[in-house]
C-alpha cells in the first residue's frame, strides 16, 4: 500500500475539519461542566448515609459504568424521541448523553476526593454550628476539587477521545470532519492517519499540562 500525502492542503482541509473540532471541543466542555456538577450531587448522595439517597445514586452510577458508551449514545438518540414524541438532533442528543454518562465517572472521582478530606475538618465544621450543606460547600468540596483536579482533567481527556463515538448517530465531530475530507480527497487511509496524529498531539499536550498541574498541587500540599 502506497501512502501519498501530497494532496494535503490545510487551507482546504480545514474547511472540513475545523467545524468538527469546534463541536468536539464544545461537547467536551459542556459534558465536563455538566458531568462534574451532576457527579458532585451523586457523590454527595452516596455519602449522605441515607438509603433513599444512596440507593438511587449507586444504581445510576453502577448502571452507566457497566454499559458501553456507544450503546448509551444509541439509547438516547433512538429512545428519547420516542418518549417525548419529537425528533432530537444528533448534536443535542450527544450533549445530553455525554453529560449523563460522564457524571457517573466524575461522581466516583468526586466521592474519592471528598473522602480524602480528613474527617476531623468535617467535625470541626459541625462544632462551630455549620450544617451538612455548609460544611460540604465551605470546607470539604474546595479541598476535594483541589485534590482531584488532575484526575478530573485526565477524565476530561478521555472524554475528548470518546467524543469520536458520536459518529454512530451522524453528529459532525472532529473525526467526522476527517472522514468527510478523506472522501472528498479520495485519500481515506492518509486522512485517518492525520486524524490519529491530531488526536495524539491534542491529548498528549493536555496530558503534559495535567502532569505539571499535579506537580504544583503536590507542592501546595
Protein backbone atom coordinates (compact mmCIF):
# COMPACT_ATOMS: atom_id res chain seq x y z
CA UNK A 1 0.00 0.00 0.00
CA UNK A 2 1.45 3.35 -1.09
CA UNK A 3 0.71 6.39 1.04
CA UNK A 4 0.61 9.80 -0.62
CA UNK A 5 0.28 12.98 1.45
CA UNK A 6 0.81 15.32 -1.50
CA UNK A 7 -2.92 16.04 -1.53
CA UNK A 8 -2.73 17.73 1.86
CA UNK A 9 -3.65 21.44 1.75
CA UNK A 10 -4.57 22.74 5.19
CA UNK A 11 -6.44 25.78 3.81
CA UNK A 12 -8.86 23.42 2.05
CA UNK A 13 -8.60 20.63 4.59
CA UNK A 14 -9.52 22.92 7.48
CA UNK A 15 -12.88 23.74 5.92
CA UNK A 16 -13.91 20.15 6.65
CA UNK A 17 -12.04 19.61 9.92
CA UNK A 18 -12.44 22.84 11.93
CA UNK A 19 -16.22 22.53 12.04
CA UNK A 20 -15.86 19.09 13.63
CA UNK A 21 -13.13 20.27 16.01
CA UNK A 22 -15.35 23.10 17.28
CA UNK A 23 -18.18 20.68 18.05
CA UNK A 24 -15.85 18.17 19.72
CA UNK A 25 -14.44 20.90 21.99
CA UNK A 26 -17.92 22.24 22.76
CA UNK A 27 -19.19 18.76 23.55
CA UNK A 28 -16.19 18.10 25.81
CA UNK A 29 -16.57 21.35 27.76
CA UNK A 30 -20.35 21.11 28.21
CA UNK A 31 -20.18 17.44 29.21
CA UNK A 32 -17.30 18.17 31.60
CA UNK A 33 -19.10 21.03 33.37
CA UNK A 34 -22.46 19.26 33.46
CA UNK A 35 -20.88 15.93 34.37
CA UNK A 36 -18.89 17.38 37.27
CA UNK A 37 -21.95 19.24 38.59
CA UNK A 38 -24.22 16.19 38.39
CA UNK A 39 -21.41 13.89 39.53
CA UNK A 40 -20.85 16.01 42.63
CA UNK A 41 -24.54 15.75 43.52
CA UNK A 42 -24.40 11.98 43.03
CA UNK A 43 -21.27 11.73 45.18
CA UNK A 44 -22.92 13.69 47.99
CA UNK A 45 -25.98 11.46 47.75
CA UNK A 46 -23.85 8.33 48.08
CA UNK A 47 -22.00 9.77 51.07
CA UNK A 48 -25.11 11.06 52.82
CA UNK A 49 -25.73 7.78 54.65
CA UNK A 50 -29.46 7.95 53.83
CA UNK A 51 -30.67 4.88 51.94
CA UNK A 52 -33.28 6.78 49.94
CA UNK A 53 -30.42 8.86 48.51
CA UNK A 54 -27.66 6.25 48.45
CA UNK A 55 -29.55 3.52 46.57
CA UNK A 56 -30.72 5.52 43.50
CA UNK A 57 -27.33 7.25 43.20
CA UNK A 58 -25.48 3.92 43.42
CA UNK A 59 -27.85 2.35 40.88
CA UNK A 60 -27.29 5.27 38.49
CA UNK A 61 -23.50 5.14 38.76
CA UNK A 62 -23.16 1.35 38.62
CA UNK A 63 -25.56 1.00 35.69
CA UNK A 64 -23.90 3.59 33.46
CA UNK A 65 -20.40 2.43 34.34
CA UNK A 66 -21.38 -1.10 33.26
CA UNK A 67 -22.75 -0.19 29.82
CA UNK A 68 -20.67 0.69 26.71
CA UNK A 69 -20.83 4.39 25.87
CA UNK A 70 -21.80 3.80 22.24
CA UNK A 71 -24.85 1.86 23.43
CA UNK A 72 -25.89 4.73 25.70
CA UNK A 73 -25.48 7.13 22.76
CA UNK A 74 -27.82 4.99 20.69
CA UNK A 75 -30.31 4.69 23.57
CA UNK A 76 -30.65 8.44 23.95
CA UNK A 77 -30.70 9.08 20.22
CA UNK A 78 -33.34 6.45 19.43
CA UNK A 79 -35.44 6.12 22.59
CA UNK A 80 -35.82 9.69 23.88
CA UNK A 81 -37.52 10.94 20.67
CA UNK A 82 -39.99 8.07 21.06
CA UNK A 83 -40.71 9.13 24.66
CA UNK A 84 -41.04 12.87 24.03
CA UNK A 85 -42.80 12.45 20.71
CA UNK A 86 -40.46 14.51 18.54
CA UNK A 87 -37.04 14.02 16.96
CA UNK A 88 -33.91 15.26 18.67
CA UNK A 89 -30.86 16.35 16.71
CA UNK A 90 -27.66 14.32 16.83
CA UNK A 91 -25.68 17.17 18.41
CA UNK A 92 -28.19 17.80 21.24
CA UNK A 93 -28.53 14.07 21.80
CA UNK A 94 -24.73 13.75 22.08
CA UNK A 95 -24.50 16.61 24.61
CA UNK A 96 -27.20 15.09 26.84
CA UNK A 97 -25.75 11.60 26.56
CA UNK A 98 -22.18 12.57 27.40
CA UNK A 99 -23.26 14.75 30.32
CA UNK A 100 -25.36 11.97 31.83
CA UNK A 101 -22.79 9.27 31.12
CA UNK A 102 -19.71 11.14 32.32
CA UNK A 103 -21.48 12.15 35.52
CA UNK A 104 -21.18 8.52 36.67
CA UNK A 105 -17.37 8.65 36.31
CA UNK A 106 -16.96 12.15 37.73
CA UNK A 107 -19.13 11.04 40.66
CA UNK A 108 -16.65 8.35 41.66
CA UNK A 109 -13.75 10.79 41.32
CA UNK A 110 -15.53 13.36 43.49
CA UNK A 111 -16.51 10.73 46.04
CA UNK A 112 -12.85 9.75 46.40
CA UNK A 113 -11.88 13.42 46.67
CA UNK A 114 -14.43 14.09 49.39
CA UNK A 115 -13.30 11.03 51.33
CA UNK A 116 -9.68 12.23 51.08
CA UNK A 117 -10.51 15.25 53.24
CA UNK A 118 -9.81 14.41 56.92
CA UNK A 119 -12.96 13.73 58.92
CA UNK A 120 -11.63 16.00 61.63
CA UNK A 121 -12.34 19.02 59.43
CA UNK A 122 -15.93 17.91 58.96
CA UNK A 123 -16.38 17.51 62.70
CA UNK A 124 -14.81 20.94 63.22
CA UNK A 125 -17.41 22.42 60.88
CA UNK A 126 -20.20 20.81 62.85
CA UNK A 127 -18.60 22.02 66.10
CA UNK A 128 -18.89 25.67 65.04
CA UNK A 129 -22.54 25.23 64.11
CA UNK A 130 -22.35 24.55 60.36
CA UNK A 131 -24.94 22.37 58.68
CA UNK A 132 -24.04 19.40 56.46
CA UNK A 133 -24.52 21.54 53.35
CA UNK A 134 -22.41 24.42 54.68
CA UNK A 135 -19.64 22.07 55.75
CA UNK A 136 -19.52 20.49 52.31
CA UNK A 137 -19.71 23.79 50.45
CA UNK A 138 -17.21 25.77 52.51
CA UNK A 139 -14.77 23.17 53.85
CA UNK A 140 -14.88 19.82 52.08
CA UNK A 141 -15.66 20.47 48.40
CA UNK A 142 -12.98 23.16 47.82
CA UNK A 143 -10.31 20.77 49.13
CA UNK A 144 -11.81 17.81 47.27
CA UNK A 145 -11.75 19.71 43.96
CA UNK A 146 -8.12 20.70 44.51
CA UNK A 147 -7.11 17.14 45.41
CA UNK A 148 -8.96 15.60 42.47
CA UNK A 149 -8.23 18.26 39.83
CA UNK A 150 -5.55 16.23 37.98
CA UNK A 151 -7.82 13.17 37.92
CA UNK A 152 -10.78 15.26 36.77
CA UNK A 153 -8.68 16.65 33.93
CA UNK A 154 -7.45 13.18 32.98
CA UNK A 155 -11.06 12.00 32.76
CA UNK A 156 -11.80 15.03 30.58
CA UNK A 157 -9.04 13.98 28.17
CA UNK A 158 -10.68 10.55 27.96
CA UNK A 159 -13.99 12.33 27.39
CA UNK A 160 -12.49 14.23 24.44
CA UNK A 161 -11.27 10.97 22.93
CA UNK A 162 -14.69 9.39 23.42
CA UNK A 163 -16.42 12.18 21.50
CA UNK A 164 -15.34 10.36 18.35
CA UNK A 165 -18.08 7.79 19.12
CA UNK A 166 -20.80 10.24 18.09
CA UNK A 167 -20.17 9.06 14.54
CA UNK A 168 -22.70 6.32 15.44
CA UNK A 169 -25.54 8.87 15.29
CA UNK A 170 -24.13 11.02 12.50
CA UNK A 171 -23.01 14.04 14.56
CA UNK A 172 -20.33 16.15 12.86
CA UNK A 173 -17.36 15.87 15.23
CA UNK A 174 -13.60 16.07 14.60
CA UNK A 175 -13.33 12.50 13.34
CA UNK A 176 -16.34 13.03 11.05
CA UNK A 177 -14.60 16.09 9.63
CA UNK A 178 -11.54 14.00 8.76
CA UNK A 179 -13.76 11.31 7.27
CA UNK A 180 -15.53 13.82 5.02
CA UNK A 181 -12.19 15.31 4.00
CA UNK A 182 -10.86 11.85 3.17
CA UNK A 183 -13.83 11.12 0.94
CA UNK A 184 -13.52 14.45 -0.86
CA UNK A 185 -9.79 13.98 -1.49
CA UNK A 186 -10.25 10.25 -2.12
CA UNK A 187 -7.48 9.58 0.42
CA UNK A 188 -9.21 7.83 3.35
CA UNK A 189 -6.14 6.00 4.69
CA UNK A 190 -3.87 9.06 4.75
CA UNK A 191 -6.65 11.17 6.23
CA UNK A 192 -7.25 8.74 9.09
CA UNK A 193 -3.50 8.72 9.80
CA UNK A 194 -3.55 12.52 10.01
CA UNK A 195 -6.60 12.29 12.29
CA UNK A 196 -4.73 9.92 14.60
CA UNK A 197 -1.79 12.34 14.71
CA UNK A 198 -4.06 15.30 15.54
CA UNK A 199 -5.80 13.38 18.34
CA UNK A 200 -2.39 12.32 19.69
CA UNK A 201 -1.00 15.86 19.66
CA UNK A 202 -4.05 17.29 21.42
CA UNK A 203 -4.31 14.57 24.06
CA UNK A 204 -0.56 14.34 24.70
CA UNK A 205 -0.31 18.11 25.13
CA UNK A 206 -3.21 18.07 27.61
CA UNK A 207 -1.60 15.16 29.46
CA UNK A 208 1.59 17.19 29.89
CA UNK A 209 -0.44 20.07 31.31
CA UNK A 210 -2.13 17.70 33.76
CA UNK A 211 1.29 16.40 34.85
CA UNK A 212 2.52 19.94 35.54
CA UNK A 213 -0.68 20.71 37.43
CA UNK A 214 -0.24 17.57 39.50
CA UNK A 215 3.28 18.65 40.48
CA UNK A 216 2.06 22.09 41.54
CA UNK A 217 -0.71 20.62 43.68
CA UNK A 218 1.81 18.25 45.28
CA UNK A 219 3.97 21.27 46.23
CA UNK A 220 0.95 23.08 47.76
CA UNK A 221 0.24 20.02 49.90
